[in-house]
Amino acid sequence: MSLPERRYVITFGCPDRTGIVARIASFLAEAGGWIVEAAYHTDPDTNWFFTRQEVRADSLPFDVGELRRRFAHVQRELDGQARIIDTAERRRVVILVSREAHCLYDLLGRVASGELDVDVRAVIGNHLDLAPITRAHGIPFHHVPFPKDSEGKAAAFTELRKMVDEHDPHAIVLARFMQILPAELCEVWAGRALNIHHSFLPSFVGARPYHQAYTRGVKLIGATCHYVTAELDAGPIIEQDVIRVDHSDSVPDMVRKGRDIEKVVLARGLRWHLEDRVLVHGNRTVVF
């Protein structure tokens, strides 16, 4: 099987004005850069310009570090914000779980099949239920119990942070973790912590959303992959999807149907995040 072509991915945002696309294109052309994918968007409400560019790494006479240094001049000139990644650097992921297995099973299956080419450094759970499947995939599992008292829970989060941060992950995936991250962790992991919530946000935030949906008599249930912020279930949304239900569906029926949507939405959101396709501006996202 041939290896994927190595690319440098440039994501950039700045106040909108004329000449931005020309300036970036001329910068890359002058360096010999071969653009293989490009996307653009302007938000008229904020007057903010967004772009994502993929460049063949072998078309440039310098490495990603030098590309970052040179592009910094363009960034300052346009008063923008830029990030440049090298697809040769394998993305590191840590997954946080509780007892619900479906999202973890799905992610590990995608990794094992090569569909999701990431380095899952560890799975950390507040229960031991998912240790066997994790270890069967050759991935370390760490158990961090979360007591109900506030002091014990704070100590557990301190231990959790230490375990996660030692891997310096590109993504921390809350795969039905069912614990609310403290504000400090939300800040430290901002833009890297992804949660899957089992409702079509902003509907039915918090606990037991399927029960809330059943009580309300909805005809569509869904799932939302979003970045974690200090405000519960209110972070920038990466991906959503829905499935139809009707009056004959019980709460267990909704839970069963919803699990299928949760798995797909989380996998999509994680892939787009790791491919640097998600640009966050305020509490909204542009997904290229």
C-alpha atoms as a PDB file:
ATOM      1  CA  MET A   1       0.000   0.000   0.000  1.00  0.00           C
ATOM      2  CA  SER A   2       1.406   3.402  -0.974  1.00  0.00           C
ATOM      3  CA  LEU A   3       1.943   5.946   1.760  1.00  0.00           C
ATOM      4  CA  PRO A   4      -0.131   9.149   1.669  1.00  0.00           C
ATOM      5  CA  GLU A   5       1.583  12.155   0.149  1.00  0.00           C
ATOM      6  CA  ARG A   6       3.287  14.337   2.745  1.00  0.00           C
ATOM      7  CA  ARG A   7       1.757  17.794   2.957  1.00  0.00           C
ATOM      8  CA  TYR A   8       2.007  21.003   4.936  1.00  0.00           C
ATOM      9  CA  VAL A   9      -1.385  22.302   6.035  1.00  0.00           C
ATOM     10  CA  ILE A  10      -1.778  26.055   6.524  1.00  0.00           C
ATOM     11  CA  THR A  11      -4.836  27.385   8.351  1.00  0.00           C
ATOM     12  CA  PHE A  12      -5.159  31.135   8.518  1.00  0.00           C
ATOM     13  CA  GLY A  13      -7.630  33.801   9.603  1.00  0.00           C
ATOM     14  CA  CYS A  14      -7.534  37.589   9.500  1.00  0.00           C
ATOM     15  CA  PRO A  15      -9.766  40.654   9.116  1.00  0.00           C
ATOM     16  CA  ASP A  16     -11.245  40.546   5.622  1.00  0.00           C
ATOM     17  CA  ARG A  17      -9.862  42.845   2.937  1.00  0.00           C
ATOM     18  CA  THR A  18      -8.943  42.704  -0.732  1.00  0.00           C
ATOM     19  CA  GLY A  19      -5.773  40.922  -1.803  1.00  0.00           C
ATOM     20  CA  ILE A  20      -5.536  38.236   0.913  1.00  0.00           C
ATOM     21  CA  VAL A  21      -5.804  35.255  -1.433  1.00  0.00           C
ATOM     22  CA  ALA A  22      -3.348  36.838  -3.871  1.00  0.00           C
ATOM     23  CA  ARG A  23      -0.846  37.532  -1.096  1.00  0.00           C
ATOM     24  CA  ILE A  24      -0.893  33.950   0.203  1.00  0.00           C
ATOM     25  CA  ALA A  25      -0.813  32.453  -3.292  1.00  0.00           C
ATOM     26  CA  SER A  26       2.123  34.636  -4.347  1.00  0.00           C
ATOM     27  CA  PHE A  27       4.032  33.763  -1.188  1.00  0.00           C
ATOM     28  CA  LEU A  28       3.652  30.048  -1.902  1.00  0.00           C
ATOM     29  CA  ALA A  29       4.338  30.419  -5.632  1.00  0.00           C
ATOM     30  CA  GLU A  30       7.557  32.356  -5.023  1.00  0.00           C
ATOM     31  CA  ALA A  31       8.756  29.507  -2.797  1.00  0.00           C
ATOM     32  CA  GLY A  32       7.775  26.893  -5.374  1.00  0.00           C
ATOM     33  CA  GLY A  33       4.852  25.632  -3.297  1.00  0.00           C
ATOM     34  CA  TRP A  34       2.432  23.290  -5.058  1.00  0.00           C
ATOM     35  CA  ILE A  35      -1.072  23.856  -3.675  1.00  0.00           C
ATOM     36  CA  VAL A  36      -3.158  20.671  -3.823  1.00  0.00           C
ATOM     37  CA  GLU A  37      -6.180  21.821  -1.809  1.00  0.00           C
ATOM     38  CA  ALA A  38      -7.503  25.272  -0.922  1.00  0.00           C
ATOM     39  CA  ALA A  39     -10.674  26.544   0.728  1.00  0.00           C
ATOM     40  CA  TYR A  40     -11.874  30.025   1.672  1.00  0.00           C
ATOM     41  CA  HIS A  41     -14.696  31.609   3.646  1.00  0.00           C
ATOM     42  CA  THR A  42     -15.597  35.084   4.840  1.00  0.00           C
ATOM     43  CA  ASP A  43     -17.987  35.667   7.734  1.00  0.00           C
ATOM     44  CA  PRO A  44     -19.915  38.853   6.937  1.00  0.00           C
ATOM     45  CA  ASP A  45     -21.065  39.255  10.552  1.00  0.00           C
ATOM     46  CA  THR A  46     -17.525  39.477  11.955  1.00  0.00           C
ATOM     47  CA  ASN A  47     -15.727  40.513   8.734  1.00  0.00           C
ATOM     48  CA  TRP A  48     -13.287  37.657   9.326  1.00  0.00           C
ATOM     49  CA  PHE A  49     -11.553  35.758   6.519  1.00  0.00           C
ATOM     50  CA  PHE A  50     -10.701  32.042   6.816  1.00  0.00           C
ATOM     51  CA  THR A  51      -8.593  29.787   4.635  1.00  0.00           C
ATOM     52  CA  ARG A  52      -7.077  26.328   4.689  1.00  0.00           C
ATOM     53  CA  GLN A  53      -4.328  25.363   2.229  1.00  0.00           C
ATOM     54  CA  GLU A  54      -2.565  22.061   1.644  1.00  0.00           C
ATOM     55  CA  VAL A  55       0.862  22.214  -0.026  1.00  0.00           C
ATOM     56  CA  ARG A  56       2.990  19.311  -1.220  1.00  0.00           C
ATOM     57  CA  ALA A  57       5.933  19.131   1.164  1.00  0.00           C
ATOM     58  CA  ASP A  58       8.328  18.005  -1.557  1.00  0.00           C
ATOM     59  CA  SER A  59       7.579  21.122  -3.611  1.00  0.00           C
ATOM     60  CA  LEU A  60       9.253  23.412  -1.082  1.00  0.00           C
ATOM     61  CA  PRO A  61      13.045  23.714  -0.674  1.00  0.00           C
ATOM     62  CA  PHE A  62      12.772  23.986   3.128  1.00  0.00           C
ATOM     63  CA  ASP A  63      11.150  22.196   6.068  1.00  0.00           C
ATOM     64  CA  VAL A  64       8.012  23.037   8.028  1.00  0.00           C
ATOM     65  CA  GLY A  65       9.946  25.060  10.604  1.00  0.00           C
ATOM     66  CA  GLU A  66      11.275  27.388   7.920  1.00  0.00           C
ATOM     67  CA  LEU A  67       7.808  27.596   6.344  1.00  0.00           C
ATOM     68  CA  ARG A  68       6.417  28.752   9.676  1.00  0.00           C
ATOM     69  CA  ARG A  69       9.176  31.330  10.044  1.00  0.00           C
ATOM     70  CA  ARG A  70       8.668  32.747   6.545  1.00  0.00           C
ATOM     71  CA  PHE A  71       4.872  32.707   6.708  1.00  0.00           C
ATOM     72  CA  ALA A  72       5.034  34.674   9.962  1.00  0.00           C
ATOM     73  CA  HIS A  73       5.851  37.740   7.845  1.00  0.00           C
ATOM     74  CA  VAL A  74       2.605  37.270   5.894  1.00  0.00           C
ATOM     75  CA  GLN A  75       0.728  36.718   9.140  1.00  0.00           C
ATOM     76  CA  ARG A  76       1.979  40.000  10.599  1.00  0.00           C
ATOM     77  CA  GLU A  77       1.365  41.880   7.365  1.00  0.00           C
ATOM     78  CA  LEU A  78      -2.284  40.769   7.288  1.00  0.00           C
ATOM     79  CA  ASP A  79      -2.739  41.008  11.079  1.00  0.00           C
ATOM     80  CA  GLY A  80      -3.846  37.395  11.168  1.00  0.00           C
ATOM     81  CA  GLN A  81      -3.603  34.118  13.040  1.00  0.00           C
ATOM     82  CA  ALA A  82      -1.914  31.111  11.459  1.00  0.00           C
ATOM     83  CA  ARG A  83      -1.153  27.491  12.209  1.00  0.00           C
ATOM     84  CA  ILE A  84       0.956  25.186  10.045  1.00  0.00           C
ATOM     85  CA  ILE A  85       1.173  21.415  10.538  1.00  0.00           C
ATOM     86  CA  ASP A  86       3.187  18.666   8.866  1.00  0.00           C
ATOM     87  CA  THR A  87       1.116  15.601   7.973  1.00  0.00           C
ATOM     88  CA  ALA A  88       4.235  13.475   8.511  1.00  0.00           C
ATOM     89  CA  GLU A  89       3.820  14.055  12.253  1.00  0.00           C
ATOM     90  CA  ARG A  90       1.415  11.365  13.415  1.00  0.00           C
ATOM     91  CA  ARG A  91      -1.413  12.760  15.507  1.00  0.00           C
ATOM     92  CA  ARG A  92      -1.429  11.730  19.182  1.00  0.00           C
ATOM     93  CA  VAL A  93      -4.745  11.012  20.900  1.00  0.00           C
ATOM     94  CA  VAL A  94      -5.822  10.227  24.455  1.00  0.00           C
ATOM     95  CA  ILE A  95      -9.358   8.896  24.986  1.00  0.00           C
ATOM     96  CA  LEU A  96     -11.357   9.384  28.197  1.00  0.00           C
ATOM     97  CA  VAL A  97     -14.146   6.907  28.933  1.00  0.00           C
ATOM     98  CA  SER A  98     -16.569   5.757  31.589  1.00  0.00           C
ATOM     99  CA  ARG A  99     -18.771   2.641  31.174  1.00  0.00           C
ATOM    100  CA  GLU A 100     -20.459   3.330  27.811  1.00  0.00           C
ATOM    101  CA  ALA A 101     -18.561   1.254  25.250  1.00  0.00           C
ATOM    102  CA  HIS A 102     -19.929   2.096  21.802  1.00  0.00           C
ATOM    103  CA  CYS A 103     -17.838   5.172  20.996  1.00  0.00           C
ATOM    104  CA  LEU A 104     -14.600   3.578  22.184  1.00  0.00           C
ATOM    105  CA  TYR A 105     -15.300   0.355  20.264  1.00  0.00           C
ATOM    106  CA  ASP A 106     -15.933   2.369  17.121  1.00  0.00           C
ATOM    107  CA  LEU A 107     -12.792   4.506  17.414  1.00  0.00           C
ATOM    108  CA  LEU A 108     -10.545   1.540  18.186  1.00  0.00           C
ATOM    109  CA  GLY A 109     -12.031  -0.356  15.252  1.00  0.00           C
ATOM    110  CA  ARG A 110     -11.295   2.543  12.905  1.00  0.00           C
ATOM    111  CA  VAL A 111      -7.731   2.786  14.211  1.00  0.00           C
ATOM    112  CA  ALA A 112      -7.154  -0.974  13.909  1.00  0.00           C
ATOM    113  CA  SER A 113      -8.419  -1.009  10.305  1.00  0.00           C
ATOM    114  CA  GLY A 114      -6.200   1.921   9.353  1.00  0.00           C
ATOM    115  CA  GLU A 115      -9.195   4.122   8.536  1.00  0.00           C
ATOM    116  CA  LEU A 116      -8.160   6.513  11.300  1.00  0.00           C
ATOM    117  CA  ASP A 117      -4.366   6.786  11.226  1.00  0.00           C
ATOM    118  CA  VAL A 118      -3.630   8.096  14.708  1.00  0.00           C
ATOM    119  CA  ASP A 119      -1.474   7.132  17.653  1.00  0.00           C
ATOM    120  CA  VAL A 120      -3.807   6.380  20.561  1.00  0.00           C
ATOM    121  CA  ARG A 121      -1.398   6.828  23.436  1.00  0.00           C
ATOM    122  CA  ALA A 122      -3.774   5.794  26.211  1.00  0.00           C
ATOM    123  CA  VAL A 123      -7.358   5.246  27.255  1.00  0.00           C
ATOM    124  CA  ILE A 124      -8.208   6.556  30.713  1.00  0.00           C
ATOM    125  CA  GLY A 125     -11.400   5.526  32.477  1.00  0.00           C
ATOM    126  CA  ASN A 126     -13.083   6.277  35.758  1.00  0.00           C
ATOM    127  CA  HIS A 127     -14.321   2.666  35.754  1.00  0.00           C
ATOM    128  CA  LEU A 128     -12.585  -0.564  34.748  1.00  0.00           C
ATOM    129  CA  ASP A 129     -15.285  -1.829  32.377  1.00  0.00           C
ATOM    130  CA  LEU A 130     -13.443  -0.882  29.164  1.00  0.00           C
ATOM    131  CA  ALA A 131      -9.964  -2.008  30.196  1.00  0.00           C
ATOM    132  CA  PRO A 132     -10.163  -5.436  28.465  1.00  0.00           C
ATOM    133  CA  ILE A 133     -11.124  -4.124  25.016  1.00  0.00           C
ATOM    134  CA  THR A 134      -8.510  -1.366  25.247  1.00  0.00           C
ATOM    135  CA  ARG A 135      -5.710  -3.776  26.148  1.00  0.00           C
ATOM    136  CA  ALA A 136      -6.883  -6.213  23.457  1.00  0.00           C
ATOM    137  CA  HIS A 137      -5.968  -3.484  20.971  1.00  0.00           C
ATOM    138  CA  GLY A 138      -2.519  -3.147  22.539  1.00  0.00           C
ATOM    139  CA  ILE A 139      -3.255   0.253  24.062  1.00  0.00           C
ATOM    140  CA  PRO A 140      -2.503   1.118  27.711  1.00  0.00           C
ATOM    141  CA  PHE A 141      -5.537   1.571  29.960  1.00  0.00           C
ATOM    142  CA  HIS A 142      -5.339   3.658  33.121  1.00  0.00           C
ATOM    143  CA  HIS A 143      -7.963   3.662  35.857  1.00  0.00           C
ATOM    144  CA  VAL A 144      -8.655   6.915  37.685  1.00  0.00           C
ATOM    145  CA  PRO A 145     -11.634   6.528  40.041  1.00  0.00           C
ATOM    146  CA  PHE A 146     -13.699   9.648  40.703  1.00  0.00           C
ATOM    147  CA  PRO A 147     -15.087   9.848  44.250  1.00  0.00           C
ATOM    148  CA  LYS A 148     -18.302  11.776  44.795  1.00  0.00           C
ATOM    149  CA  ASP A 149     -16.825  14.206  47.314  1.00  0.00           C
ATOM    150  CA  SER A 150     -15.395  17.430  45.913  1.00  0.00           C
ATOM    151  CA  GLU A 151     -11.928  16.974  47.430  1.00  0.00           C
ATOM    152  CA  GLY A 152     -11.546  13.470  46.037  1.00  0.00           C
ATOM    153  CA  LYS A 153     -12.844  14.536  42.634  1.00  0.00           C
ATOM    154  CA  ALA A 154     -10.372  17.440  42.493  1.00  0.00           C
ATOM    155  CA  ALA A 155      -7.522  15.013  43.249  1.00  0.00           C
ATOM    156  CA  ALA A 156      -8.762  12.687  40.510  1.00  0.00           C
ATOM    157  CA  PHE A 157      -8.750  15.501  37.954  1.00  0.00           C
ATOM    158  CA  THR A 158      -5.213  16.425  39.000  1.00  0.00           C
ATOM    159  CA  GLU A 159      -4.105  12.847  38.373  1.00  0.00           C
ATOM    160  CA  LEU A 160      -6.015  12.746  35.094  1.00  0.00           C
ATOM    161  CA  ARG A 161      -4.367  15.932  33.870  1.00  0.00           C
ATOM    162  CA  LYS A 162      -0.909  14.570  34.666  1.00  0.00           C
ATOM    163  CA  MET A 163      -1.602  11.348  32.757  1.00  0.00           C
ATOM    164  CA  VAL A 164      -2.968  13.157  29.721  1.00  0.00           C
ATOM    165  CA  ASP A 165      -0.372  15.922  29.549  1.00  0.00           C
ATOM    166  CA  GLU A 166       2.581  13.542  29.569  1.00  0.00           C
ATOM    167  CA  HIS A 167       1.516  12.474  26.061  1.00  0.00           C
ATOM    168  CA  ASP A 168       1.094  16.067  24.775  1.00  0.00           C
ATOM    169  CA  PRO A 169      -1.869  14.899  22.664  1.00  0.00           C
ATOM    170  CA  HIS A 170      -3.256  16.696  19.653  1.00  0.00           C
ATOM    171  CA  ALA A 171      -6.723  15.579  20.785  1.00  0.00           C
ATOM    172  CA  ILE A 172      -8.288  14.585  24.096  1.00  0.00           C
ATOM    173  CA  VAL A 173     -11.491  12.724  23.252  1.00  0.00           C
ATOM    174  CA  LEU A 174     -14.281  12.523  25.808  1.00  0.00           C
ATOM    175  CA  ALA A 175     -15.920   9.362  24.443  1.00  0.00           C
ATOM    176  CA  ARG A 176     -18.923   9.397  26.785  1.00  0.00           C
ATOM    177  CA  PHE A 177     -16.641  10.188  29.721  1.00  0.00           C
ATOM    178  CA  MET A 178     -19.610  11.466  31.768  1.00  0.00           C
ATOM    179  CA  GLN A 179     -17.519  13.757  33.968  1.00  0.00           C
ATOM    180  CA  ILE A 180     -17.655  17.557  33.760  1.00  0.00           C
ATOM    181  CA  LEU A 181     -14.160  18.978  33.290  1.00  0.00           C
ATOM    182  CA  PRO A 182     -13.257  21.786  35.705  1.00  0.00           C
ATOM    183  CA  ALA A 183     -12.780  25.246  34.199  1.00  0.00           C
ATOM    184  CA  GLU A 184      -8.996  25.057  34.648  1.00  0.00           C
ATOM    185  CA  LEU A 185      -8.747  21.913  32.519  1.00  0.00           C
ATOM    186  CA  CYS A 186     -11.080  23.378  29.902  1.00  0.00           C
ATOM    187  CA  GLU A 187      -8.679  26.292  29.580  1.00  0.00           C
ATOM    188  CA  VAL A 188      -5.510  24.170  29.484  1.00  0.00           C
ATOM    189  CA  TRP A 189      -7.017  21.802  26.889  1.00  0.00           C
ATOM    190  CA  ALA A 190      -8.868  24.489  24.913  1.00  0.00           C
ATOM    191  CA  GLY A 191      -9.108  23.607  21.235  1.00  0.00           C
ATOM    192  CA  ARG A 192      -7.937  20.034  21.884  1.00  0.00           C
ATOM    193  CA  ALA A 193     -10.642  18.506  24.108  1.00  0.00           C
ATOM    194  CA  LEU A 194     -13.555  17.107  22.070  1.00  0.00           C
ATOM    195  CA  ASN A 195     -16.803  15.834  23.570  1.00  0.00           C
ATOM    196  CA  ILE A 196     -19.642  13.798  22.084  1.00  0.00           C
ATOM    197  CA  HIS A 197     -22.991  14.868  23.486  1.00  0.00           C
ATOM    198  CA  HIS A 198     -25.993  12.654  22.865  1.00  0.00           C
ATOM    199  CA  SER A 199     -28.390  15.325  21.659  1.00  0.00           C
ATOM    200  CA  PHE A 200     -28.691  17.844  18.839  1.00  0.00           C
ATOM    201  CA  LEU A 201     -27.348  20.848  20.731  1.00  0.00           C
ATOM    202  CA  PRO A 202     -28.433  23.366  21.868  1.00  0.00           C
ATOM    203  CA  SER A 203     -31.442  21.150  22.620  1.00  0.00           C
ATOM    204  CA  PHE A 204     -31.346  18.998  25.758  1.00  0.00           C
ATOM    205  CA  VAL A 205     -28.064  19.952  27.385  1.00  0.00           C
ATOM    206  CA  GLY A 206     -26.791  18.197  30.492  1.00  0.00           C
ATOM    207  CA  ALA A 207     -27.745  14.769  31.791  1.00  0.00           C
ATOM    208  CA  ARG A 208     -30.277  12.270  30.393  1.00  0.00           C
ATOM    209  CA  PRO A 209     -30.954  14.027  27.064  1.00  0.00           C
ATOM    210  CA  TYR A 210     -32.790  11.028  25.606  1.00  0.00           C
ATOM    211  CA  HIS A 211     -35.186  11.103  28.561  1.00  0.00           C
ATOM    212  CA  GLN A 212     -35.664  14.825  27.974  1.00  0.00           C
ATOM    213  CA  ALA A 213     -36.323  14.195  24.283  1.00  0.00           C
ATOM    214  CA  TYR A 214     -38.836  11.444  25.047  1.00  0.00           C
ATOM    215  CA  THR A 215     -40.715  13.668  27.476  1.00  0.00           C
ATOM    216  CA  ARG A 216     -40.825  16.446  24.887  1.00  0.00           C
ATOM    217  CA  GLY A 217     -42.058  14.090  22.170  1.00  0.00           C
ATOM    218  CA  VAL A 218     -39.459  15.027  19.571  1.00  0.00           C
ATOM    219  CA  LYS A 219     -39.395  13.430  16.129  1.00  0.00           C
ATOM    220  CA  LEU A 220     -35.642  13.779  15.611  1.00  0.00           C
ATOM    221  CA  ILE A 221     -32.823  12.922  17.986  1.00  0.00           C
ATOM    222  CA  GLY A 222     -29.189  13.604  17.321  1.00  0.00           C
ATOM    223  CA  ALA A 223     -25.606  13.879  18.507  1.00  0.00           C
ATOM    224  CA  THR A 224     -23.111  16.727  18.639  1.00  0.00           C
ATOM    225  CA  CYS A 225     -19.317  16.710  18.614  1.00  0.00           C
ATOM    226  CA  HIS A 226     -18.028  19.949  20.108  1.00  0.00           C
ATOM    227  CA  TYR A 227     -14.999  21.453  21.781  1.00  0.00           C
ATOM    228  CA  VAL A 228     -15.146  21.447  25.562  1.00  0.00           C
ATOM    229  CA  THR A 229     -15.494  24.767  27.363  1.00  0.00           C
ATOM    230  CA  ALA A 230     -16.268  25.753  30.928  1.00  0.00           C
ATOM    231  CA  GLU A 231     -19.921  26.274  29.995  1.00  0.00           C
ATOM    232  CA  LEU A 232     -21.543  22.830  29.914  1.00  0.00           C
ATOM    233  CA  ASP A 233     -22.303  21.513  26.399  1.00  0.00           C
ATOM    234  CA  ALA A 234     -21.889  24.994  24.924  1.00  0.00           C
ATOM    235  CA  GLY A 235     -18.494  24.809  23.205  1.00  0.00           C
ATOM    236  CA  PRO A 236     -17.930  25.419  19.470  1.00  0.00           C
ATOM    237  CA  ILE A 237     -19.722  22.762  17.439  1.00  0.00           C
ATOM    238  CA  ILE A 238     -17.671  20.639  15.025  1.00  0.00           C
ATOM    239  CA  GLU A 239     -20.243  18.161  13.688  1.00  0.00           C
ATOM    240  CA  GLN A 240     -23.869  17.096  14.194  1.00  0.00           C
ATOM    241  CA  ASP A 241     -26.312  14.574  12.770  1.00  0.00           C
ATOM    242  CA  VAL A 242     -29.830  13.324  13.469  1.00  0.00           C
ATOM    243  CA  ILE A 243     -32.029  10.250  13.132  1.00  0.00           C
ATOM    244  CA  ARG A 244     -35.820  10.072  13.015  1.00  0.00           C
ATOM    245  CA  VAL A 245     -37.883   8.632  15.870  1.00  0.00           C
ATOM    246  CA  ASP A 246     -41.636   8.460  16.406  1.00  0.00           C
ATOM    247  CA  HIS A 247     -44.318   8.056  19.057  1.00  0.00           C
ATOM    248  CA  SER A 248     -43.750   4.295  19.308  1.00  0.00           C
ATOM    249  CA  ASP A 249     -40.096   4.643  20.377  1.00  0.00           C
ATOM    250  CA  SER A 250     -39.340   4.204  24.067  1.00  0.00           C
ATOM    251  CA  VAL A 251     -36.373   5.770  25.850  1.00  0.00           C
ATOM    252  CA  PRO A 252     -34.325   2.557  25.360  1.00  0.00           C
ATOM    253  CA  ASP A 253     -35.202   2.678  21.648  1.00  0.00           C
ATOM    254  CA  MET A 254     -33.932   6.241  21.453  1.00  0.00           C
ATOM    255  CA  VAL A 255     -30.746   5.312  23.303  1.00  0.00           C
ATOM    256  CA  ARG A 256     -30.129   2.404  20.903  1.00  0.00           C
ATOM    257  CA  LYS A 257     -30.738   4.491  17.791  1.00  0.00           C
ATOM    258  CA  GLY A 258     -28.788   7.426  19.169  1.00  0.00           C
ATOM    259  CA  ARG A 259     -25.673   5.365  19.748  1.00  0.00           C
ATOM    260  CA  ASP A 260     -25.258   4.852  16.007  1.00  0.00           C
ATOM    261  CA  ILE A 261     -25.343   8.615  15.415  1.00  0.00           C
ATOM    262  CA  GLU A 262     -22.969   9.307  18.319  1.00  0.00           C
ATOM    263  CA  LYS A 263     -20.292   7.001  16.892  1.00  0.00           C
ATOM    264  CA  VAL A 264     -20.374   8.491  13.410  1.00  0.00           C
ATOM    265  CA  VAL A 265     -20.484  12.105  14.578  1.00  0.00           C
ATOM    266  CA  LEU A 266     -17.566  11.634  16.973  1.00  0.00           C
ATOM    267  CA  ALA A 267     -15.444   9.878  14.328  1.00  0.00           C
ATOM    268  CA  ARG A 268     -16.107  12.633  11.795  1.00  0.00           C
ATOM    269  CA  GLY A 269     -15.413  15.404  14.264  1.00  0.00           C
ATOM    270  CA  LEU A 270     -12.170  13.825  15.437  1.00  0.00           C
ATOM    271  CA  ARG A 271     -10.937  13.241  11.886  1.00  0.00           C
ATOM    272  CA  TRP A 272     -11.668  16.843  10.853  1.00  0.00           C
ATOM    273  CA  HIS A 273      -9.974  18.168  13.981  1.00  0.00           C
ATOM    274  CA  LEU A 274      -6.839  16.090  13.418  1.00  0.00           C
ATOM    275  CA  GLU A 275      -6.694  17.103   9.743  1.00  0.00           C
ATOM    276  CA  ASP A 276      -6.812  20.746  10.857  1.00  0.00           C
ATOM    277  CA  ARG A 277     -10.070  21.331   9.017  1.00  0.00           C
ATOM    278  CA  VAL A 278     -11.759  23.103  11.938  1.00  0.00           C
ATOM    279  CA  LEU A 279     -11.151  26.821  12.426  1.00  0.00           C
ATOM    280  CA  VAL A 280     -12.630  28.311  15.602  1.00  0.00           C
ATOM    281  CA  HIS A 281     -13.680  31.938  15.777  1.00  0.00           C
ATOM    282  CA  GLY A 282     -15.438  32.942  18.979  1.00  0.00           C
ATOM    283  CA  ASN A 283     -17.986  30.229  19.698  1.00  0.00           C
ATOM    284  CA  ARG A 284     -18.449  29.253  16.056  1.00  0.00           C
ATOM    285  CA  THR A 285     -16.491  27.052  13.712  1.00  0.00           C
ATOM    286  CA  VAL A 286     -15.663  26.927  10.031  1.00  0.00           C
ATOM    287  CA  VAL A 287     -15.114  23.339   8.888  1.00  0.00           C
ATOM    288  CA  PHE A 288     -13.309  22.992   5.552  1.00  0.00           C
END
